[in-house]
């Protein structure tokens, strides 16, 4: 069994890897540019 320190280090490493993954994926697919409607209204 792994030590408590090793477990913690692994958890922290995985957290760093996952940071912002969903947000970045959403930006890639949908883009961050606001639509014409939002910017200028109807």
N, C-alpha and C. Protein backbone atom coordinates (compact mmCIF):
# COMPACT_ATOMS: atom_id res chain seq x y z
N UNK A 1 0.83 -1.19 0.00
CA UNK A 1 0.00 0.00 0.00
C UNK A 1 0.88 1.25 0.00
N UNK A 2 0.47 2.24 -0.75
CA UNK A 2 1.25 3.47 -0.85
C UNK A 2 1.14 4.28 0.44
N UNK A 3 2.17 5.06 0.71
CA UNK A 3 2.16 5.90 1.91
C UNK A 3 1.19 7.06 1.72
N UNK A 4 0.80 7.67 2.83
CA UNK A 4 -0.13 8.81 2.77
C UNK A 4 0.44 9.95 1.95
N UNK A 5 1.74 10.16 2.07
CA UNK A 5 2.40 11.24 1.34
C UNK A 5 2.33 10.99 -0.17
N UNK A 6 2.61 9.75 -0.58
CA UNK A 6 2.58 9.40 -2.00
C UNK A 6 1.18 9.59 -2.57
N UNK A 7 0.16 9.17 -1.80
CA UNK A 7 -1.23 9.33 -2.24
C UNK A 7 -1.55 10.79 -2.46
N UNK A 8 -1.15 11.62 -1.49
CA UNK A 8 -1.42 13.06 -1.55
C UNK A 8 -0.73 13.70 -2.74
N UNK A 9 0.52 13.31 -2.97
CA UNK A 9 1.27 13.85 -4.09
C UNK A 9 0.59 13.52 -5.41
N UNK A 10 0.09 12.30 -5.52
CA UNK A 10 -0.59 11.86 -6.73
C UNK A 10 -1.88 12.64 -6.94
N UNK A 11 -2.66 12.82 -5.87
CA UNK A 11 -3.91 13.58 -5.94
C UNK A 11 -3.62 15.00 -6.42
N UNK A 12 -2.61 15.63 -5.84
CA UNK A 12 -2.26 17.00 -6.21
C UNK A 12 -1.83 17.10 -7.67
N UNK A 13 -1.05 16.09 -8.11
CA UNK A 13 -0.58 16.06 -9.50
C UNK A 13 -1.77 15.95 -10.46
N UNK A 14 -2.71 15.07 -10.14
CA UNK A 14 -3.89 14.89 -10.98
C UNK A 14 -4.75 16.15 -11.02
N UNK A 15 -4.85 16.83 -9.88
CA UNK A 15 -5.62 18.07 -9.81
C UNK A 15 -5.02 19.11 -10.73
N UNK A 16 -3.70 19.24 -10.72
CA UNK A 16 -3.02 20.20 -11.57
C UNK A 16 -3.26 19.90 -13.04
N UNK A 17 -3.22 18.60 -13.38
CA UNK A 17 -3.41 18.18 -14.75
C UNK A 17 -4.82 18.53 -15.23
N UNK A 18 -5.83 18.32 -14.35
CA UNK A 18 -7.22 18.51 -14.73
C UNK A 18 -7.69 19.97 -14.73
N UNK A 19 -6.93 20.85 -14.13
CA UNK A 19 -7.37 22.24 -13.97
C UNK A 19 -7.77 22.88 -15.28
N UNK A 20 -8.99 23.33 -15.33
CA UNK A 20 -9.46 24.07 -16.48
C UNK A 20 -9.73 23.26 -17.73
N UNK A 21 -9.67 21.93 -17.63
CA UNK A 21 -9.82 21.09 -18.81
C UNK A 21 -11.19 21.28 -19.46
N UNK A 22 -12.25 21.28 -18.65
CA UNK A 22 -13.61 21.42 -19.20
C UNK A 22 -13.81 22.80 -19.79
N UNK A 23 -13.32 23.82 -19.10
CA UNK A 23 -13.46 25.20 -19.58
C UNK A 23 -12.73 25.37 -20.91
N UNK A 24 -11.51 24.86 -20.98
CA UNK A 24 -10.71 25.00 -22.19
C UNK A 24 -11.34 24.24 -23.36
N UNK A 25 -11.90 23.07 -23.08
CA UNK A 25 -12.57 22.28 -24.12
C UNK A 25 -13.78 23.03 -24.64
N UNK A 26 -14.53 23.65 -23.72
CA UNK A 26 -15.71 24.43 -24.10
C UNK A 26 -15.31 25.61 -24.97
N UNK A 27 -14.22 26.26 -24.61
CA UNK A 27 -13.74 27.40 -25.40
C UNK A 27 -13.32 26.95 -26.80
N UNK A 28 -12.73 25.77 -26.88
CA UNK A 28 -12.31 25.26 -28.19
C UNK A 28 -13.51 24.98 -29.09
N UNK A 29 -14.56 24.40 -28.51
CA UNK A 29 -15.70 24.01 -29.34
C UNK A 29 -16.65 25.18 -29.59
N UNK A 30 -16.95 25.94 -28.55
CA UNK A 30 -17.92 27.02 -28.69
C UNK A 30 -17.29 28.36 -29.01
N UNK A 31 -16.07 28.56 -28.58
CA UNK A 31 -15.38 29.83 -28.79
C UNK A 31 -15.78 30.84 -27.72
N UNK A 32 -14.99 31.89 -27.58
CA UNK A 32 -15.24 32.86 -26.51
C UNK A 32 -15.83 34.17 -27.04
N UNK A 33 -15.99 34.24 -28.37
CA UNK A 33 -16.52 35.44 -28.97
C UNK A 33 -18.01 35.55 -28.69
N UNK A 34 -18.44 36.69 -28.21
CA UNK A 34 -19.85 36.89 -27.93
C UNK A 34 -20.62 37.02 -29.26
N UNK A 35 -21.86 36.59 -29.24
CA UNK A 35 -22.66 36.65 -30.46
C UNK A 35 -23.06 38.09 -30.79
N UNK A 36 -23.44 38.30 -32.03
CA UNK A 36 -23.86 39.62 -32.50
C UNK A 36 -25.05 40.13 -31.67
N UNK A 37 -25.96 39.18 -31.38
CA UNK A 37 -27.17 39.51 -30.62
C UNK A 37 -26.80 40.04 -29.23
N UNK A 38 -25.86 39.38 -28.56
CA UNK A 38 -25.48 39.82 -27.21
C UNK A 38 -24.76 41.16 -27.23
N UNK A 39 -23.95 41.36 -28.24
CA UNK A 39 -23.19 42.61 -28.32
C UNK A 39 -24.06 43.81 -28.70
N UNK A 40 -24.91 43.64 -29.71
CA UNK A 40 -25.64 44.78 -30.25
C UNK A 40 -27.15 44.72 -30.06
N UNK A 41 -27.63 43.65 -29.44
CA UNK A 41 -29.08 43.52 -29.27
C UNK A 41 -29.74 43.11 -30.58
N UNK A 42 -31.05 43.19 -30.62
CA UNK A 42 -31.78 42.77 -31.83
C UNK A 42 -31.75 43.82 -32.85
